[in-house]
Amino acid sequence: MGIGRKTRSIGKMIEGKTKEMAGKAVGNKSMEKKGKAEMVKGKVRHAVEKGKDTFRH
């Protein structure tokens, strides 16, 4: 797997966590849920790419 895909998935996790925290801070439940979903999406992508690496080597 390319380093670009790994960094993008980590970036999504960070972006999601930031949105979640911002949503909590301002009391916006919608933003909080979107952030949490984005973070999970990043974690799943990262796990998939890590699995691909395992099978390639």
PDB file of N, CA and C in Angstrom:
ATOM      1  N   MET A   1       0.838  -1.170   0.000  1.00  0.00           N
ATOM      2  CA  MET A   1       0.000   0.000   0.000  1.00  0.00           C
ATOM      3  C   MET A   1       0.881   1.229   0.000  1.00  0.00           C
ATOM      4  N   GLY A   2       0.421   2.194  -0.713  1.00  0.00           N
ATOM      5  CA  GLY A   2       1.171   3.439  -0.768  1.00  0.00           C
ATOM      6  C   GLY A   2       1.049   4.234   0.514  1.00  0.00           C
ATOM      7  N   ILE A   3       2.052   5.007   0.772  1.00  0.00           N
ATOM      8  CA  ILE A   3       2.066   5.840   1.972  1.00  0.00           C
ATOM      9  C   ILE A   3       0.948   6.881   1.913  1.00  0.00           C
ATOM     10  N   GLY A   4       0.562   7.262   0.702  1.00  0.00           N
ATOM     11  CA  GLY A   4      -0.511   8.246   0.535  1.00  0.00           C
ATOM     12  C   GLY A   4      -1.839   7.779   1.085  1.00  0.00           C
ATOM     13  N   ARG A   5      -2.162   6.528   0.852  1.00  0.00           N
ATOM     14  CA  ARG A   5      -3.435   6.001   1.354  1.00  0.00           C
ATOM     15  C   ARG A   5      -3.429   5.892   2.869  1.00  0.00           C
ATOM     16  N   LYS A   6      -2.291   5.513   3.427  1.00  0.00           N
ATOM     17  CA  LYS A   6      -2.190   5.426   4.887  1.00  0.00           C
ATOM     18  C   LYS A   6      -2.386   6.801   5.512  1.00  0.00           C
ATOM     19  N   THR A   7      -1.721   7.796   4.951  1.00  0.00           N
ATOM     20  CA  THR A   7      -1.830   9.139   5.519  1.00  0.00           C
ATOM     21  C   THR A   7      -3.231   9.700   5.345  1.00  0.00           C
ATOM     22  N   ARG A   8      -3.879   9.384   4.237  1.00  0.00           N
ATOM     23  CA  ARG A   8      -5.251   9.862   4.041  1.00  0.00           C
ATOM     24  C   ARG A   8      -6.192   9.255   5.083  1.00  0.00           C
ATOM     25  N   SER A   9      -6.026   7.952   5.353  1.00  0.00           N
ATOM     26  CA  SER A   9      -6.908   7.312   6.330  1.00  0.00           C
ATOM     27  C   SER A   9      -6.642   7.856   7.732  1.00  0.00           C
ATOM     28  N   ILE A  10      -5.390   8.110   8.063  1.00  0.00           N
ATOM     29  CA  ILE A  10      -5.065   8.697   9.365  1.00  0.00           C
ATOM     30  C   ILE A  10      -5.610  10.121   9.432  1.00  0.00           C
ATOM     31  N   GLY A  11      -5.523  10.837   8.322  1.00  0.00           N
ATOM     32  CA  GLY A  11      -6.071  12.190   8.253  1.00  0.00           C
ATOM     33  C   GLY A  11      -7.569  12.205   8.489  1.00  0.00           C
ATOM     34  N   LYS A  12      -8.270  11.228   7.946  1.00  0.00           N
ATOM     35  CA  LYS A  12      -9.722  11.123   8.150  1.00  0.00           C
ATOM     36  C   LYS A  12     -10.044  10.861   9.611  1.00  0.00           C
ATOM     37  N   MET A  13      -9.228  10.017  10.252  1.00  0.00           N
ATOM     38  CA  MET A  13      -9.457   9.738  11.672  1.00  0.00           C
ATOM     39  C   MET A  13      -9.290  11.014  12.496  1.00  0.00           C
ATOM     40  N   ILE A  14      -8.237  11.766  12.202  1.00  0.00           N
ATOM     41  CA  ILE A  14      -7.975  13.010  12.942  1.00  0.00           C
ATOM     42  C   ILE A  14      -9.070  14.032  12.665  1.00  0.00           C
ATOM     43  N   GLU A  15      -9.453  14.154  11.402  1.00  0.00           N
ATOM     44  CA  GLU A  15     -10.505  15.100  11.027  1.00  0.00           C
ATOM     45  C   GLU A  15     -11.817  14.745  11.726  1.00  0.00           C
ATOM     46  N   GLY A  16     -12.128  13.457  11.767  1.00  0.00           N
ATOM     47  CA  GLY A  16     -13.349  13.008  12.427  1.00  0.00           C
ATOM     48  C   GLY A  16     -13.335  13.300  13.914  1.00  0.00           C
ATOM     49  N   LYS A  17     -12.213  13.038  14.554  1.00  0.00           N
ATOM     50  CA  LYS A  17     -12.097  13.299  15.994  1.00  0.00           C
ATOM     51  C   LYS A  17     -12.229  14.792  16.280  1.00  0.00           C
ATOM     52  N   THR A  18     -11.655  15.616  15.401  1.00  0.00           N
ATOM     53  CA  THR A  18     -11.756  17.067  15.568  1.00  0.00           C
ATOM     54  C   THR A  18     -13.207  17.524  15.462  1.00  0.00           C
ATOM     55  N   LYS A  19     -13.920  17.002  14.459  1.00  0.00           N
ATOM     56  CA  LYS A  19     -15.334  17.367  14.296  1.00  0.00           C
ATOM     57  C   LYS A  19     -16.157  16.909  15.499  1.00  0.00           C
ATOM     58  N   GLU A  20     -15.855  15.704  15.979  1.00  0.00           N
ATOM     59  CA  GLU A  20     -16.579  15.186  17.128  1.00  0.00           C
ATOM     60  C   GLU A  20     -16.373  16.079  18.352  1.00  0.00           C
ATOM     61  N   MET A  21     -15.131  16.459  18.610  1.00  0.00           N
ATOM     62  CA  MET A  21     -14.831  17.325  19.758  1.00  0.00           C
ATOM     63  C   MET A  21     -15.451  18.713  19.592  1.00  0.00           C
ATOM     64  N   ALA A  22     -15.418  19.240  18.377  1.00  0.00           N
ATOM     65  CA  ALA A  22     -16.020  20.557  18.124  1.00  0.00           C
ATOM     66  C   ALA A  22     -17.535  20.484  18.334  1.00  0.00           C
ATOM     67  N   GLY A  23     -18.143  19.399  17.886  1.00  0.00           N
ATOM     68  CA  GLY A  23     -19.578  19.216  18.086  1.00  0.00           C
ATOM     69  C   GLY A  23     -19.939  19.149  19.557  1.00  0.00           C
ATOM     70  N   LYS A  24     -19.119  18.452  20.330  1.00  0.00           N
ATOM     71  CA  LYS A  24     -19.356  18.371  21.779  1.00  0.00           C
ATOM     72  C   LYS A  24     -19.202  19.738  22.422  1.00  0.00           C
ATOM     73  N   ALA A  25     -18.187  20.479  21.986  1.00  0.00           N
ATOM     74  CA  ALA A  25     -17.898  21.783  22.583  1.00  0.00           C
ATOM     75  C   ALA A  25     -19.037  22.780  22.373  1.00  0.00           C
ATOM     76  N   VAL A  26     -19.623  22.756  21.178  1.00  0.00           N
ATOM     77  CA  VAL A  26     -20.689  23.722  20.890  1.00  0.00           C
ATOM     78  C   VAL A  26     -22.086  23.147  21.114  1.00  0.00           C
ATOM     79  N   GLY A  27     -22.154  21.872  21.463  1.00  0.00           N
ATOM     80  CA  GLY A  27     -23.456  21.248  21.718  1.00  0.00           C
ATOM     81  C   GLY A  27     -24.211  20.881  20.461  1.00  0.00           C
ATOM     82  N   ASN A  28     -23.500  20.653  19.369  1.00  0.00           N
ATOM     83  CA  ASN A  28     -24.120  20.299  18.102  1.00  0.00           C
ATOM     84  C   ASN A  28     -24.044  18.780  17.919  1.00  0.00           C
ATOM     85  N   LYS A  29     -25.140  18.084  18.206  1.00  0.00           N
ATOM     86  CA  LYS A  29     -25.173  16.617  18.146  1.00  0.00           C
ATOM     87  C   LYS A  29     -24.937  16.096  16.724  1.00  0.00           C
ATOM     88  N   SER A  30     -25.448  16.799  15.731  1.00  0.00           N
ATOM     89  CA  SER A  30     -25.290  16.381  14.346  1.00  0.00           C
ATOM     90  C   SER A  30     -23.816  16.368  13.944  1.00  0.00           C
ATOM     91  N   MET A  31     -23.115  17.441  14.277  1.00  0.00           N
ATOM     92  CA  MET A  31     -21.693  17.535  13.953  1.00  0.00           C
ATOM     93  C   MET A  31     -20.903  16.461  14.704  1.00  0.00           C
ATOM     94  N   GLU A  32     -21.302  16.208  15.931  1.00  0.00           N
ATOM     95  CA  GLU A  32     -20.639  15.204  16.752  1.00  0.00           C
ATOM     96  C   GLU A  32     -20.785  13.806  16.122  1.00  0.00           C
ATOM     97  N   LYS A  33     -21.981  13.485  15.670  1.00  0.00           N
ATOM     98  CA  LYS A  33     -22.231  12.179  15.039  1.00  0.00           C
ATOM     99  C   LYS A  33     -21.500  12.044  13.710  1.00  0.00           C
ATOM    100  N   LYS A  34     -21.491  13.109  12.923  1.00  0.00           N
ATOM    101  CA  LYS A  34     -20.776  13.081  11.643  1.00  0.00           C
ATOM    102  C   LYS A  34     -19.285  12.876  11.866  1.00  0.00           C
ATOM    103  N   GLY A  35     -18.754  13.531  12.876  1.00  0.00           N
ATOM    104  CA  GLY A  35     -17.341  13.385  13.204  1.00  0.00           C
ATOM    105  C   GLY A  35     -17.009  11.969  13.626  1.00  0.00           C
ATOM    106  N   LYS A  36     -17.856  11.391  14.448  1.00  0.00           N
ATOM    107  CA  LYS A  36     -17.638  10.026  14.913  1.00  0.00           C
ATOM    108  C   LYS A  36     -17.698   9.050  13.734  1.00  0.00           C
ATOM    109  N   ALA A  37     -18.647   9.260  12.829  1.00  0.00           N
ATOM    110  CA  ALA A  37     -18.771   8.399  11.650  1.00  0.00           C
ATOM    111  C   ALA A  37     -17.539   8.523  10.754  1.00  0.00           C
ATOM    112  N   GLU A  38     -17.044   9.724  10.594  1.00  0.00           N
ATOM    113  CA  GLU A  38     -15.862   9.958   9.769  1.00  0.00           C
ATOM    114  C   GLU A  38     -14.626   9.287  10.373  1.00  0.00           C
ATOM    115  N   MET A  39     -14.545   9.334  11.700  1.00  0.00           N
ATOM    116  CA  MET A  39     -13.425   8.710  12.382  1.00  0.00           C
ATOM    117  C   MET A  39     -13.463   7.188  12.190  1.00  0.00           C
ATOM    118  N   VAL A  40     -14.628   6.609  12.314  1.00  0.00           N
ATOM    119  CA  VAL A  40     -14.779   5.164  12.121  1.00  0.00           C
ATOM    120  C   VAL A  40     -14.440   4.784  10.681  1.00  0.00           C
ATOM    121  N   LYS A  41     -14.872   5.596   9.750  1.00  0.00           N
ATOM    122  CA  LYS A  41     -14.575   5.358   8.335  1.00  0.00           C
ATOM    123  C   LYS A  41     -13.061   5.343   8.095  1.00  0.00           C
ATOM    124  N   GLY A  42     -12.353   6.284   8.716  1.00  0.00           N
ATOM    125  CA  GLY A  42     -10.900   6.332   8.598  1.00  0.00           C
ATOM    126  C   GLY A  42     -10.237   5.111   9.207  1.00  0.00           C
ATOM    127  N   LYS A  43     -10.754   4.662  10.349  1.00  0.00           N
ATOM    128  CA  LYS A  43     -10.204   3.477  11.007  1.00  0.00           C
ATOM    129  C   LYS A  43     -10.403   2.223  10.152  1.00  0.00           C
ATOM    130  N   VAL A  44     -11.567   2.120   9.537  1.00  0.00           N
ATOM    131  CA  VAL A  44     -11.842   0.960   8.683  1.00  0.00           C
ATOM    132  C   VAL A  44     -10.915   0.966   7.473  1.00  0.00           C
ATOM    133  N   ARG A  45     -10.770   2.108   6.843  1.00  0.00           N
ATOM    134  CA  ARG A  45      -9.866   2.204   5.683  1.00  0.00           C
ATOM    135  C   ARG A  45      -8.434   1.846   6.063  1.00  0.00           C
ATOM    136  N   HIS A  46      -8.018   2.317   7.229  1.00  0.00           N
ATOM    137  CA  HIS A  46      -6.660   2.040   7.691  1.00  0.00           C
ATOM    138  C   HIS A  46      -6.476   0.536   7.926  1.00  0.00           C
ATOM    139  N   ALA A  47      -7.471  -0.101   8.522  1.00  0.00           N
ATOM    140  CA  ALA A  47      -7.401  -1.537   8.781  1.00  0.00           C
ATOM    141  C   ALA A  47      -7.362  -2.329   7.481  1.00  0.00           C
ATOM    142  N   VAL A  48      -8.146  -1.906   6.494  1.00  0.00           N
ATOM    143  CA  VAL A  48      -8.160  -2.586   5.194  1.00  0.00           C
ATOM    144  C   VAL A  48      -6.791  -2.476   4.531  1.00  0.00           C
ATOM    145  N   GLU A  49      -6.229  -1.291   4.547  1.00  0.00           N
ATOM    146  CA  GLU A  49      -4.928  -1.090   3.919  1.00  0.00           C
ATOM    147  C   GLU A  49      -3.831  -1.863   4.658  1.00  0.00           C
ATOM    148  N   LYS A  50      -3.943  -1.931   5.964  1.00  0.00           N
ATOM    149  CA  LYS A  50      -2.980  -2.695   6.749  1.00  0.00           C
ATOM    150  C   LYS A  50      -3.084  -4.192   6.403  1.00  0.00           C
ATOM    151  N   GLY A  51      -4.308  -4.661   6.220  1.00  0.00           N
ATOM    152  CA  GLY A  51      -4.525  -6.051   5.823  1.00  0.00           C
ATOM    153  C   GLY A  51      -3.940  -6.344   4.459  1.00  0.00           C
ATOM    154  N   LYS A  52      -4.084  -5.408   3.542  1.00  0.00           N
ATOM    155  CA  LYS A  52      -3.506  -5.573   2.199  1.00  0.00           C
ATOM    156  C   LYS A  52      -1.992  -5.717   2.299  1.00  0.00           C
ATOM    157  N   ASP A  53      -1.377  -4.901   3.145  1.00  0.00           N
ATOM    158  CA  ASP A  53       0.073  -4.972   3.340  1.00  0.00           C
ATOM    159  C   ASP A  53       0.496  -6.343   3.851  1.00  0.00           C
ATOM    160  N   THR A  54      -0.294  -6.877   4.760  1.00  0.00           N
ATOM    161  CA  THR A  54       0.030  -8.171   5.352  1.00  0.00           C
ATOM    162  C   THR A  54       0.064  -9.265   4.288  1.00  0.00           C
ATOM    163  N   PHE A  55      -0.888  -9.237   3.380  1.00  0.00           N
ATOM    164  CA  PHE A  55      -0.945 -10.271   2.351  1.00  0.00           C
ATOM    165  C   PHE A  55       0.078 -10.078   1.238  1.00  0.00           C
ATOM    166  N   ARG A  56       0.536  -8.877   1.061  1.00  0.00           N
ATOM    167  CA  ARG A  56       1.528  -8.607   0.014  1.00  0.00           C
ATOM    168  C   ARG A  56       2.925  -9.059   0.410  1.00  0.00           C
ATOM    169  N   HIS A  57       3.203  -9.037   1.693  1.00  0.00           N
ATOM    170  CA  HIS A  57       4.566  -9.344   2.147  1.00  0.00           C
ATOM    171  C   HIS A  57       4.656 -10.699   2.701  1.00  0.00           C
TER     172      HIS A  57
END
